[in-house]
C-alpha atoms as a PDB file:
ATOM      1  CA  MET A   1       1.979 -15.625 -15.225  1.00  0.00           C
ATOM      2  CA  ILE A   2       5.576 -16.150 -16.133  1.00  0.00           C
ATOM      3  CA  ASP A   3       6.579 -19.691 -17.016  1.00  0.00           C
ATOM      4  CA  PRO A   4       7.626 -21.254 -13.684  1.00  0.00           C
ATOM      5  CA  ARG A   5      10.370 -23.173 -15.465  1.00  0.00           C
ATOM      6  CA  LEU A   6      12.189 -19.849 -15.849  1.00  0.00           C
ATOM      7  CA  GLN A   7      12.318 -19.593 -12.068  1.00  0.00           C
ATOM      8  CA  THR A   8      13.802 -23.078 -11.945  1.00  0.00           C
ATOM      9  CA  LEU A   9      16.522 -21.972 -14.365  1.00  0.00           C
ATOM     10  CA  ARG A  10      17.181 -18.831 -12.298  1.00  0.00           C
ATOM     11  CA  VAL A  11      17.534 -20.866  -9.099  1.00  0.00           C
ATOM     12  CA  LEU A  12      19.867 -23.332 -10.847  1.00  0.00           C
ATOM     13  CA  HIS A  13      22.014 -20.386 -11.906  1.00  0.00           C
ATOM     14  CA  GLN A  14      22.048 -19.148  -8.302  1.00  0.00           C
ATOM     15  CA  TRP A  15      22.685 -22.465  -6.544  1.00  0.00           C
ATOM     16  CA  GLY A  16      24.749 -24.232  -9.198  1.00  0.00           C
ATOM     17  CA  THR A  17      23.464 -27.804  -8.881  1.00  0.00           C
ATOM     18  CA  VAL A  18      20.232 -29.606  -9.644  1.00  0.00           C
ATOM     19  CA  THR A  19      20.155 -31.023  -6.117  1.00  0.00           C
ATOM     20  CA  ALA A  20      20.540 -27.619  -4.464  1.00  0.00           C
ATOM     21  CA  THR A  21      17.940 -26.172  -6.849  1.00  0.00           C
ATOM     22  CA  ALA A  22      15.515 -28.937  -5.955  1.00  0.00           C
ATOM     23  CA  GLU A  23      16.009 -28.293  -2.247  1.00  0.00           C
ATOM     24  CA  ALA A  24      15.565 -24.538  -2.672  1.00  0.00           C
ATOM     25  CA  LEU A  25      12.340 -25.019  -4.641  1.00  0.00           C
ATOM     26  CA  HIS A  26      11.055 -27.919  -2.512  1.00  0.00           C
ATOM     27  CA  LEU A  27      11.044 -30.212  -5.539  1.00  0.00           C
ATOM     28  CA  THR A  28      12.747 -33.455  -6.391  1.00  0.00           C
ATOM     29  CA  PRO A  29      15.912 -33.383  -8.520  1.00  0.00           C
ATOM     30  CA  SER A  30      14.000 -35.389 -11.117  1.00  0.00           C
ATOM     31  CA  THR A  31      11.317 -32.683 -11.325  1.00  0.00           C
ATOM     32  CA  VAL A  32      13.951 -29.957 -11.707  1.00  0.00           C
ATOM     33  CA  SER A  33      15.662 -31.898 -14.501  1.00  0.00           C
ATOM     34  CA  GLN A  34      12.319 -32.511 -16.218  1.00  0.00           C
ATOM     35  CA  GLN A  35      11.362 -28.820 -16.047  1.00  0.00           C
ATOM     36  CA  LEU A  36      14.702 -27.786 -17.514  1.00  0.00           C
ATOM     37  CA  ARG A  37      14.408 -30.363 -20.324  1.00  0.00           C
ATOM     38  CA  GLN A  38      10.890 -29.093 -21.092  1.00  0.00           C
ATOM     39  CA  LEU A  39      12.075 -25.491 -21.183  1.00  0.00           C
ATOM     40  CA  SER A  40      14.966 -26.455 -23.447  1.00  0.00           C
ATOM     41  CA  ALA A  41      12.616 -28.313 -25.801  1.00  0.00           C
ATOM     42  CA  ARG A  42      10.108 -25.445 -25.799  1.00  0.00           C
ATOM     43  CA  LEU A  43      12.814 -22.975 -26.804  1.00  0.00           C
ATOM     44  CA  GLY A  44      14.604 -25.342 -29.172  1.00  0.00           C
ATOM     45  CA  LEU A  45      17.923 -24.546 -27.461  1.00  0.00           C
ATOM     46  CA  GLU A  46      20.344 -26.441 -25.302  1.00  0.00           C
ATOM     47  CA  LEU A  47      20.319 -24.758 -21.901  1.00  0.00           C
ATOM     48  CA  LEU A  48      22.599 -27.125 -20.004  1.00  0.00           C
ATOM     49  CA  GLU A  49      25.858 -28.854 -20.751  1.00  0.00           C
ATOM     50  CA  PRO A  50      27.580 -31.544 -18.720  1.00  0.00           C
ATOM     51  CA  ALA A  51      30.322 -30.444 -16.351  1.00  0.00           C
ATOM     52  CA  GLY A  52      31.621 -33.573 -14.636  1.00  0.00           C
ATOM     53  CA  ARG A  53      28.831 -34.900 -12.433  1.00  0.00           C
ATOM     54  CA  ASN A  54      27.041 -31.531 -12.574  1.00  0.00           C
ATOM     55  CA  VAL A  55      25.693 -29.307 -15.313  1.00  0.00           C
ATOM     56  CA  ARG A  56      26.665 -25.857 -16.489  1.00  0.00           C
ATOM     57  CA  LEU A  57      24.415 -23.248 -18.107  1.00  0.00           C
ATOM     58  CA  THR A  58      25.100 -22.634 -21.781  1.00  0.00           C
ATOM     59  CA  PRO A  59      25.592 -19.091 -23.095  1.00  0.00           C
ATOM     60  CA  ALA A  60      21.980 -19.202 -24.325  1.00  0.00           C
ATOM     61  CA  ALA A  61      20.810 -20.152 -20.823  1.00  0.00           C
ATOM     62  CA  LEU A  62      22.808 -17.309 -19.284  1.00  0.00           C
ATOM     63  CA  ALA A  63      21.187 -14.860 -21.718  1.00  0.00           C
ATOM     64  CA  LEU A  64      17.787 -16.310 -20.836  1.00  0.00           C
ATOM     65  CA  VAL A  65      18.495 -15.885 -17.110  1.00  0.00           C
ATOM     66  CA  GLU A  66      19.178 -12.181 -17.676  1.00  0.00           C
ATOM     67  CA  HIS A  67      15.870 -11.787 -19.495  1.00  0.00           C
ATOM     68  CA  ALA A  68      14.071 -13.846 -16.858  1.00  0.00           C
ATOM     69  CA  ASP A  69      15.496 -11.633 -14.104  1.00  0.00           C
ATOM     70  CA  ALA A  70      14.115  -8.565 -15.892  1.00  0.00           C
ATOM     71  CA  LEU A  71      10.735 -10.268 -16.383  1.00  0.00           C
ATOM     72  CA  PHE A  72      10.469 -11.119 -12.705  1.00  0.00           C
ATOM     73  CA  VAL A  73      11.355  -7.554 -11.687  1.00  0.00           C
ATOM     74  CA  ARG A  74       8.645  -6.175 -13.986  1.00  0.00           C
ATOM     75  CA  TRP A  75       6.166  -8.790 -12.736  1.00  0.00           C
ATOM     76  CA  GLU A  76       6.738  -7.697  -9.127  1.00  0.00           C
ATOM     77  CA  GLU A  77       6.308  -4.059 -10.147  1.00  0.00           C
ATOM     78  CA  ALA A  78       3.033  -4.946 -11.871  1.00  0.00           C
ATOM     79  CA  ARG A  79       1.808  -6.862  -8.823  1.00  0.00           C
ATOM     80  CA  ALA A  80       2.664  -3.901  -6.577  1.00  0.00           C
ATOM     81  CA  ASP A  81       0.810  -1.515  -8.898  1.00  0.00           C
ATOM     82  CA  LEU A  82      -2.226  -3.783  -8.967  1.00  0.00           C
ATOM     83  CA  ALA A  83      -2.287  -4.358  -5.206  1.00  0.00           C
ATOM     84  CA  GLY A  84      -4.078  -1.029  -4.743  1.00  0.00           C
ATOM     85  CA  TYR A  85      -6.905  -2.213  -6.974  1.00  0.00           C
ATOM     86  CA  ALA A  86      -7.333  -5.380  -4.938  1.00  0.00           C
ATOM     87  CA  ASP A  87      -7.429  -3.318  -1.726  1.00  0.00           C
ATOM     88  CA  GLY A  88      -9.926  -0.895  -3.247  1.00  0.00           C
ATOM     89  CA  VAL A  89      -7.644   2.122  -2.777  1.00  0.00           C
ATOM     90  CA  ALA A  90      -6.647   2.642  -6.410  1.00  0.00           C
ATOM     91  CA  GLY A  91      -8.726   3.517  -9.392  1.00  0.00           C
ATOM     92  CA  ARG A  92     -10.200   6.470 -11.168  1.00  0.00           C
ATOM     93  CA  LEU A  93     -11.555   9.403  -9.176  1.00  0.00           C
ATOM     94  CA  ARG A  94     -14.097  11.582 -10.920  1.00  0.00           C
ATOM     95  CA  ILE A  95     -15.140  14.892  -9.400  1.00  0.00           C
ATOM     96  CA  THR A  96     -18.022  16.868 -10.841  1.00  0.00           C
ATOM     97  CA  GLY A  97     -19.571  20.161  -9.918  1.00  0.00           C
ATOM     98  CA  VAL A  98     -20.387  23.660 -11.024  1.00  0.00           C
ATOM     99  CA  ALA A  99     -17.334  25.503 -12.349  1.00  0.00           C
ATOM    100  CA  THR A 100     -17.584  28.364  -9.874  1.00  0.00           C
ATOM    101  CA  ALA A 101     -17.952  25.999  -6.924  1.00  0.00           C
ATOM    102  CA  ILE A 102     -14.999  23.805  -7.748  1.00  0.00           C
ATOM    103  CA  ALA A 103     -12.622  26.488  -9.068  1.00  0.00           C
ATOM    104  CA  GLY A 104     -11.156  27.233  -5.629  1.00  0.00           C
ATOM    105  CA  ALA A 105     -11.320  23.646  -4.377  1.00  0.00           C
ATOM    106  CA  GLY A 106      -9.047  22.354  -7.125  1.00  0.00           C
ATOM    107  CA  ALA A 107      -6.229  24.744  -6.261  1.00  0.00           C
ATOM    108  CA  GLY A 108      -5.114  22.937  -3.140  1.00  0.00           C
ATOM    109  CA  ALA A 109      -6.720  19.530  -3.530  1.00  0.00           C
ATOM    110  CA  GLY A 110      -4.358  16.643  -3.119  1.00  0.00           C
ATOM    111  CA  THR A 111      -5.652  14.183  -0.583  1.00  0.00           C
ATOM    112  CA  LEU A 112      -8.649  11.906  -0.412  1.00  0.00           C
ATOM    113  CA  SER A 113      -9.029  12.257   3.339  1.00  0.00           C
ATOM    114  CA  GLY A 114     -11.860  14.739   3.056  1.00  0.00           C
ATOM    115  CA  ARG A 115      -9.640  17.801   3.494  1.00  0.00           C
ATOM    116  CA  THR A 116      -8.825  20.093   0.610  1.00  0.00           C
ATOM    117  CA  GLY A 117      -6.899  23.244  -0.039  1.00  0.00           C
ATOM    118  CA  ALA A 118      -5.287  25.026   2.898  1.00  0.00           C
ATOM    119  CA  ALA A 119      -6.808  22.627   5.415  1.00  0.00           C
ATOM    120  CA  ALA A 120      -5.001  19.706   3.784  1.00  0.00           C
ATOM    121  CA  ARG A 121      -1.721  21.545   4.193  1.00  0.00           C
ATOM    122  CA  GLY A 122      -2.464  22.750   7.712  1.00  0.00           C
ATOM    123  CA  ALA A 123      -2.536  26.404   6.640  1.00  0.00           C
ATOM    124  CA  ALA A 124      -4.671  29.044   8.289  1.00  0.00           C
ATOM    125  CA  PRO A 125      -7.913  30.321   6.682  1.00  0.00           C
ATOM    126  CA  HIS A 126      -7.448  32.918   3.956  1.00  0.00           C
ATOM    127  CA  THR A 127      -3.874  31.769   3.218  1.00  0.00           C
ATOM    128  CA  ALA A 128      -2.704  32.598  -0.288  1.00  0.00           C
ATOM    129  CA  VAL A 129      -2.183  29.605  -2.551  1.00  0.00           C
ATOM    130  CA  PRO A 130      -0.529  29.431  -5.988  1.00  0.00           C
ATOM    131  CA  GLY A 131      -2.479  31.278  -8.650  1.00  0.00           C
ATOM    132  CA  GLY A 132      -3.334  34.251  -6.489  1.00  0.00           C
ATOM    133  CA  ARG A 133      -6.437  32.656  -4.947  1.00  0.00           C
ATOM    134  CA  THR A 134      -7.197  32.657  -1.250  1.00  0.00           C
ATOM    135  CA  ALA A 135      -7.809  29.298   0.400  1.00  0.00           C
ATOM    136  CA  ARG A 136     -10.657  29.107   2.879  1.00  0.00           C
ATOM    137  CA  GLN A 137     -11.444  26.256   5.255  1.00  0.00           C
END
């Protein structure tokens, strides 16, 4: 949910011209220019300055591109973290039971595949595990 106009500014920084930016984003040059004007107005800062027949990013725009790059990296990290929830493989796991029954099971637990303790690690029955307990299959 990052302002898409920031992506337009990032692509302009990468490609250097409004025309190349429009082609890269599958937009018209007019749409690219309009998005950049809107972003400039929203921020109350000049983001572009004329450079012959092209435009150049102002120092403020270059600073904004750096922040936008960081935002997009964090957004992708967030999407990757949330992908597990969409697939149903992430969330909270709650295990309950009687203390004596679960005391040994917790020592080697680490997978959700139905195996626990020594079996999850491929160890033989009665193999010692950390804490001095003996793991049983």
